[in-house]
Amino acid sequence: MTCKNLEQQFDAYLYGELTSSERDSLESHLKECAACQSELEQFRRLHALIRERHSPEVPAEWLVRCRQRLEEAIDREEHGWRRLLADWFSVAPGSFPSRLAAMLTLILFGFGLGWMLRPGAGKVVPSARQTPQLASFLGGDLGHISSISQVLPDPESNKVRITLNAEHRVTLEGSLDDPHIRRILVDAVKSYNNPGIRLDTLDALKERTDNPMIQNALLYALQHDPNAGVRLEALRCVREMNWNPELQQALIEAVRRDANPGIRVAAADALVQHALSQHDRSLLPVLQSFAETDSNMYIRLKAVAAVHELGQTP
């Protein structure tokens, strides 16, 4: 590697963001190259000047004003999104308009708002085993972590990479068998304020729906997350779980109480699919209630068909 290429790593080197192999290679070169030693020293002086420079705190009213403008921009874009999506989805004669409206609502609120508010992916930095500062907060909760920049699951290796900011910016990498990884992801699902990160976290957690701690987090997201897109993703994840009373009750509550019609329809589909595939007649009273009283025509008709089929099953 040439001196010019190595110079591009000086910033990362000074911030402690190189991997161990990159750092060893750079330090070996520095021992033999006086020109690079001199260039690195200039970088050090520049970093020292930057650290001495006072960074004024952003006034709180500026942040409030920016958030308000963002919300206004989202509201202005809503009609444009609806027109675009209307071109993608056509309602065939006899199909249910409520289902199309549900799809539009989910996409608009779940992914339009959620992904617009997510932060950019952070620069990859050393792993946990290379960062002793992690020991100070791994035993705590997210209160010790100022922000999470990225949650990146790797389906091939079954590992997750989490880039977060605490006293120092660090990257954790490991499988969901690691209690530290698992705890940070579960805490993020339940309490982190960015819906884009919560979506990525659910994508990582869905690989271990057999774990009770992860099951609890997925059901919590389905029942309590304020973002419709996150709740929908949580619903997709819990459908991979083994059926149990907690899952059944969470789906029933979603049909009865969720404010988003798309999530209500998806939860009803999950209940009906289980009832019919397993011939679970214990769900008959619930389905009869949906058939008689639910405000959504699709859910009523779906429940009526399921009740009829279960009633014919010996």
Protein backbone atom coordinates (compact mmCIF):
# COMPACT_ATOMS: atom_id res chain seq x y z
CA MET A 1 0.00 0.00 0.00
CA THR A 2 1.31 3.45 -0.94
CA CYS A 3 1.94 6.37 1.41
CA LYS A 4 -1.00 8.22 -0.15
CA ASN A 5 -3.38 5.38 0.64
CA LEU A 6 -2.11 5.11 4.19
CA GLU A 7 -2.54 8.85 4.76
CA GLN A 8 -6.27 8.36 4.22
CA GLN A 9 -6.30 6.23 7.36
CA PHE A 10 -4.65 8.81 9.63
CA ASP A 11 -7.94 10.29 10.86
CA ALA A 12 -9.35 6.86 11.68
CA TYR A 13 -6.07 5.92 13.35
CA LEU A 14 -6.10 8.98 15.62
CA TYR A 15 -9.74 8.37 16.56
CA GLY A 16 -9.01 4.70 17.31
CA GLU A 17 -11.31 3.51 14.53
CA LEU A 18 -8.99 1.10 12.69
CA THR A 19 -9.19 -2.63 13.05
CA SER A 20 -6.25 -4.28 14.78
CA SER A 21 -4.80 -5.53 11.47
CA GLU A 22 -5.11 -2.09 9.85
CA ARG A 23 -3.53 -0.43 12.85
CA ASP A 24 -0.60 -2.91 12.91
CA SER A 25 0.00 -2.43 9.18
CA LEU A 26 -0.02 1.36 9.52
CA GLU A 27 2.30 1.39 12.53
CA SER A 28 4.74 -0.94 10.78
CA HIS A 29 4.87 1.46 7.83
CA LEU A 30 5.36 4.48 10.11
CA LYS A 31 8.47 2.90 11.61
CA GLU A 32 10.10 2.87 8.17
CA CYS A 33 8.71 6.07 6.61
CA ALA A 34 9.81 9.47 7.91
CA ALA A 35 7.50 11.32 5.48
CA CYS A 36 4.42 9.59 6.85
CA GLN A 37 5.60 10.19 10.42
CA SER A 38 5.78 13.92 9.65
CA GLU A 39 2.36 13.90 7.98
CA LEU A 40 0.82 12.06 10.93
CA GLU A 41 2.27 14.63 13.32
CA GLN A 42 0.50 17.37 11.36
CA PHE A 43 -2.75 15.45 11.68
CA ARG A 44 -2.18 15.22 15.44
CA ARG A 45 -1.72 18.98 15.73
CA LEU A 46 -4.86 19.59 13.70
CA HIS A 47 -6.85 17.25 15.93
CA ALA A 48 -5.51 19.05 19.01
CA LEU A 49 -6.69 22.40 17.62
CA ILE A 50 -10.13 20.98 16.87
CA ARG A 51 -10.44 19.65 20.42
CA GLU A 52 -9.55 23.06 21.82
CA ARG A 53 -12.24 24.77 19.76
CA HIS A 54 -15.40 25.42 21.73
CA SER A 55 -18.53 23.81 20.26
CA PRO A 56 -21.58 25.89 21.20
CA GLU A 57 -24.66 23.98 22.29
CA VAL A 58 -27.55 24.09 19.84
CA PRO A 59 -30.42 26.10 21.40
CA ALA A 60 -33.41 23.95 22.31
CA GLU A 61 -35.79 26.19 20.38
CA TRP A 62 -33.82 25.51 17.18
CA LEU A 63 -34.33 21.78 17.62
CA VAL A 64 -38.05 22.27 18.22
CA ARG A 65 -38.35 24.46 15.12
CA CYS A 66 -36.49 21.91 12.98
CA ARG A 67 -38.74 19.09 14.16
CA GLN A 68 -41.83 21.16 13.41
CA ARG A 69 -40.59 21.90 9.88
CA LEU A 70 -39.86 18.22 9.33
CA GLU A 71 -43.38 17.27 10.40
CA GLU A 72 -44.84 19.95 8.08
CA ALA A 73 -42.74 18.61 5.18
CA ILE A 74 -43.98 15.08 5.86
CA ASP A 75 -47.59 16.33 5.86
CA ARG A 76 -47.04 18.08 2.51
CA GLU A 77 -45.57 14.93 0.98
CA GLU A 78 -48.42 12.70 2.17
CA HIS A 79 -50.72 13.45 -0.76
CA GLY A 80 -47.93 12.92 -3.27
CA TRP A 81 -47.18 9.52 -1.76
CA ARG A 82 -50.83 8.55 -1.86
CA ARG A 83 -51.09 9.42 -5.57
CA LEU A 84 -47.94 7.45 -6.37
CA LEU A 85 -49.10 4.40 -4.41
CA ALA A 86 -52.54 4.56 -6.01
CA ASP A 87 -50.85 3.96 -9.36
CA TRP A 88 -49.09 0.89 -8.00
CA PHE A 89 -52.14 -0.76 -6.41
CA SER A 90 -55.39 -1.17 -8.30
CA VAL A 91 -58.57 -2.29 -6.58
CA ALA A 92 -60.19 -5.09 -8.54
CA PRO A 93 -64.00 -5.34 -8.56
CA GLY A 94 -65.19 -7.18 -5.47
CA SER A 95 -62.03 -6.57 -3.45
CA PHE A 96 -62.09 -4.65 -0.21
CA PRO A 97 -61.22 -0.92 -0.25
CA SER A 98 -60.30 -1.14 3.44
CA ARG A 99 -57.40 -3.42 2.59
CA LEU A 100 -55.96 -0.96 0.08
CA ALA A 101 -56.37 1.89 2.56
CA ALA A 102 -54.61 -0.21 5.17
CA MET A 103 -51.67 -0.85 2.85
CA LEU A 104 -51.37 2.86 2.07
CA THR A 105 -51.56 3.81 5.72
CA LEU A 106 -48.91 1.32 6.74
CA ILE A 107 -46.47 2.37 4.04
CA LEU A 108 -46.98 6.06 4.70
CA PHE A 109 -46.65 5.98 8.45
CA GLY A 110 -44.52 2.92 8.96
CA PHE A 111 -41.85 3.41 6.36
CA GLY A 112 -42.26 6.98 5.15
CA LEU A 113 -42.01 8.45 8.65
CA GLY A 114 -39.88 5.73 10.19
CA TRP A 115 -37.15 5.69 7.57
CA MET A 116 -37.12 9.46 7.09
CA LEU A 117 -36.30 9.91 10.76
CA ARG A 118 -33.57 7.27 10.97
CA PRO A 119 -29.96 8.46 11.26
CA GLY A 120 -27.34 7.70 8.64
CA ALA A 121 -25.27 4.58 9.04
CA GLY A 122 -22.25 5.16 11.14
CA LYS A 123 -18.66 4.52 10.21
CA VAL A 124 -17.49 1.08 11.27
CA VAL A 125 -15.20 1.21 14.28
CA PRO A 126 -13.42 -1.36 16.47
CA SER A 127 -15.35 -4.31 17.81
CA ALA A 128 -16.25 -4.75 21.45
CA ARG A 129 -13.29 -6.96 22.25
CA GLN A 130 -10.95 -4.17 21.09
CA THR A 131 -12.65 -1.43 23.14
CA PRO A 132 -12.13 -1.67 26.91
CA GLN A 133 -14.43 1.34 27.50
CA LEU A 134 -17.42 -0.93 26.81
CA ALA A 135 -16.98 -2.52 30.22
CA SER A 136 -18.30 0.65 31.83
CA PHE A 137 -21.77 0.38 30.32
CA LEU A 138 -22.41 -3.17 29.12
CA GLY A 139 -23.90 -4.00 32.48
CA GLY A 140 -26.30 -1.05 32.30
CA ASP A 141 -29.19 -0.04 30.13
CA LEU A 142 -29.58 2.37 27.22
CA GLY A 143 -29.28 5.29 29.61
CA HIS A 144 -25.51 4.92 29.27
CA ILE A 145 -25.66 4.97 25.46
CA SER A 146 -26.23 8.36 23.88
CA SER A 147 -27.37 7.03 20.49
CA ILE A 148 -27.41 4.04 18.15
CA SER A 149 -26.24 4.72 14.60
CA GLN A 150 -26.73 1.34 12.98
CA VAL A 151 -28.06 -2.17 13.55
CA LEU A 152 -26.92 -4.44 10.74
CA PRO A 153 -27.89 -8.15 10.83
CA ASP A 154 -25.98 -10.59 8.64
CA PRO A 155 -28.24 -13.54 7.71
CA GLU A 156 -25.32 -15.59 6.41
CA SER A 157 -23.27 -15.51 9.62
CA ASN A 158 -26.20 -15.01 12.03
CA LYS A 159 -24.27 -12.15 13.58
CA VAL A 160 -25.34 -8.58 14.27
CA ARG A 161 -23.24 -5.42 14.08
CA ILE A 162 -24.38 -2.54 16.33
CA THR A 163 -22.75 0.87 16.01
CA LEU A 164 -23.48 3.03 19.04
CA ASN A 165 -22.22 6.11 20.85
CA ALA A 166 -21.44 6.16 24.54
CA GLU A 167 -18.34 7.80 25.99
CA HIS A 168 -16.63 6.63 22.81
CA ARG A 169 -18.06 5.49 19.51
CA VAL A 170 -17.91 1.70 19.30
CA THR A 171 -19.19 -1.21 17.27
CA LEU A 172 -20.36 -4.45 18.83
CA GLU A 173 -20.42 -7.54 16.67
CA GLY A 174 -21.68 -10.94 17.69
CA SER A 175 -24.58 -13.37 17.60
CA LEU A 176 -27.83 -13.21 19.50
CA ASP A 177 -26.41 -15.85 21.83
CA ASP A 178 -24.23 -13.08 23.28
CA PRO A 179 -26.20 -11.66 26.26
CA HIS A 180 -24.69 -8.19 25.71
CA ILE A 181 -25.84 -8.09 22.08
CA ARG A 182 -29.23 -9.48 22.99
CA ARG A 183 -29.77 -7.02 25.83
CA ILE A 184 -28.89 -3.94 23.78
CA LEU A 185 -31.22 -5.03 20.96
CA VAL A 186 -34.09 -5.82 23.32
CA ASP A 187 -33.66 -2.48 25.12
CA ALA A 188 -33.55 -0.70 21.76
CA VAL A 189 -36.85 -2.27 20.66
CA LYS A 190 -38.54 -1.22 23.88
CA SER A 191 -37.10 2.24 24.49
CA TYR A 192 -35.00 3.68 21.65
CA ASN A 193 -36.69 6.71 20.11
CA ASN A 194 -35.79 6.21 16.42
CA PRO A 195 -38.26 4.03 14.46
CA GLY A 196 -35.73 3.21 11.73
CA ILE A 197 -33.33 1.69 14.26
CA ARG A 198 -36.22 -0.19 15.89
CA LEU A 199 -37.13 -1.66 12.49
CA ASP A 200 -33.54 -2.80 11.90
CA THR A 201 -33.44 -4.24 15.41
CA LEU A 202 -36.57 -6.30 14.77
CA ASP A 203 -34.96 -7.59 11.58
CA ALA A 204 -32.07 -8.86 13.68
CA LEU A 205 -34.20 -10.32 16.49
CA LYS A 206 -36.50 -12.30 14.19
CA GLU A 207 -33.74 -14.91 13.77
CA ARG A 208 -34.22 -16.06 17.37
CA THR A 209 -37.93 -16.09 18.04
CA ASP A 210 -37.41 -19.15 20.22
CA ASN A 211 -35.73 -17.04 22.93
CA PRO A 212 -38.18 -15.97 25.71
CA MET A 213 -36.49 -12.58 26.17
CA ILE A 214 -36.73 -11.86 22.45
CA GLN A 215 -40.33 -13.11 22.32
CA ASN A 216 -41.22 -10.66 25.07
CA ALA A 217 -39.59 -7.79 23.14
CA LEU A 218 -41.41 -8.67 19.90
CA LEU A 219 -44.78 -8.85 21.64
CA TYR A 220 -44.05 -5.56 23.40
CA ALA A 221 -43.33 -3.89 20.06
CA LEU A 222 -46.56 -5.25 18.56
CA GLN A 223 -48.63 -3.96 21.45
CA HIS A 224 -46.91 -0.70 22.39
CA ASP A 225 -44.69 0.73 19.65
CA PRO A 226 -45.97 4.18 18.57
CA ASN A 227 -44.98 3.64 14.92
CA ALA A 228 -47.36 1.61 12.73
CA GLY A 229 -44.56 0.37 10.49
CA VAL A 230 -42.67 -1.01 13.49
CA ARG A 231 -45.81 -2.68 14.84
CA LEU A 232 -46.41 -4.31 11.46
CA GLU A 233 -42.85 -5.64 11.34
CA ALA A 234 -43.24 -6.93 14.90
CA LEU A 235 -46.40 -8.73 13.82
CA ARG A 236 -44.51 -10.39 10.97
CA CYS A 237 -41.83 -11.48 13.44
CA VAL A 238 -44.21 -12.92 16.05
CA ARG A 239 -45.85 -15.05 13.37
CA GLU A 240 -42.60 -17.01 13.31
CA MET A 241 -42.98 -17.83 17.03
CA ASN A 242 -44.40 -21.07 18.34
CA TRP A 243 -48.04 -20.48 19.23
CA ASN A 244 -48.61 -19.72 22.90
CA PRO A 245 -51.25 -17.92 25.02
CA GLU A 246 -49.26 -14.66 25.12
CA LEU A 247 -48.99 -14.56 21.33
CA GLN A 248 -52.68 -15.38 20.90
CA GLN A 249 -53.73 -12.63 23.31
CA ALA A 250 -51.43 -10.07 21.68
CA LEU A 251 -52.99 -10.79 18.26
CA ILE A 252 -56.51 -10.57 19.66
CA GLU A 253 -55.71 -7.22 21.31
CA ALA A 254 -54.20 -5.97 18.04
CA VAL A 255 -57.43 -6.75 16.18
CA ARG A 256 -59.53 -5.11 18.86
CA ARG A 257 -57.50 -2.03 19.70
CA ASP A 258 -54.83 -1.13 17.13
CA ALA A 259 -55.47 2.26 15.53
CA ASN A 260 -54.13 1.15 12.15
CA PRO A 261 -56.59 -0.88 10.02
CA GLY A 262 -53.79 -2.66 8.17
CA ILE A 263 -52.36 -4.08 11.40
CA ARG A 264 -55.83 -5.13 12.52
CA VAL A 265 -56.35 -6.99 9.23
CA ALA A 266 -52.93 -8.67 9.44
CA ALA A 267 -53.54 -9.76 13.04
CA ALA A 268 -56.95 -11.16 12.12
CA ASP A 269 -55.36 -13.07 9.23
CA ALA A 270 -52.82 -14.58 11.64
CA LEU A 271 -55.54 -15.70 14.07
CA VAL A 272 -57.68 -17.20 11.30
CA GLN A 273 -54.73 -18.97 9.71
CA HIS A 274 -53.78 -20.59 13.02
CA ALA A 275 -57.37 -21.53 13.85
CA LEU A 276 -57.93 -23.21 10.48
CA SER A 277 -54.53 -24.86 10.10
CA GLN A 278 -54.61 -26.30 13.63
CA HIS A 279 -58.40 -26.79 13.82
CA ASP A 280 -58.26 -24.72 17.00
CA ARG A 281 -61.89 -24.46 18.02
CA SER A 282 -60.96 -22.60 21.21
CA LEU A 283 -60.79 -19.46 19.04
CA LEU A 284 -64.43 -19.83 17.93
CA PRO A 285 -65.82 -17.36 20.53
CA VAL A 286 -63.26 -14.73 19.54
CA LEU A 287 -63.90 -15.18 15.83
CA GLN A 288 -67.66 -15.07 16.38
CA SER A 289 -67.21 -11.78 18.23
CA PHE A 290 -65.22 -10.36 15.30
CA ALA A 291 -67.83 -11.62 12.84
CA GLU A 292 -70.65 -9.89 14.71
CA THR A 293 -69.16 -6.62 15.94
CA ASP A 294 -65.94 -5.65 14.16
CA SER A 295 -66.11 -2.34 12.29
CA ASN A 296 -63.92 -3.59 9.42
CA MET A 297 -65.83 -5.41 6.67
CA TYR A 298 -62.84 -7.54 5.66
CA ILE A 299 -62.30 -8.74 9.25
CA ARG A 300 -66.01 -9.52 9.65
CA LEU A 301 -66.15 -11.57 6.45
CA LYS A 302 -62.87 -13.32 7.22
CA ALA A 303 -64.15 -14.25 10.68
CA VAL A 304 -67.52 -15.42 9.31
CA ALA A 305 -65.77 -17.76 6.83
CA ALA A 306 -63.48 -19.12 9.57
CA VAL A 307 -66.37 -19.71 11.99
CA HIS A 308 -68.29 -21.55 9.27
CA GLU A 309 -65.31 -23.74 8.40
CA LEU A 310 -64.47 -24.52 12.02
CA GLY A 311 -68.12 -25.32 12.65
CA GLN A 312 -68.02 -27.91 9.88
CA THR A 313 -64.81 -29.48 11.23
CA PRO A 314 -65.52 -32.66 13.25
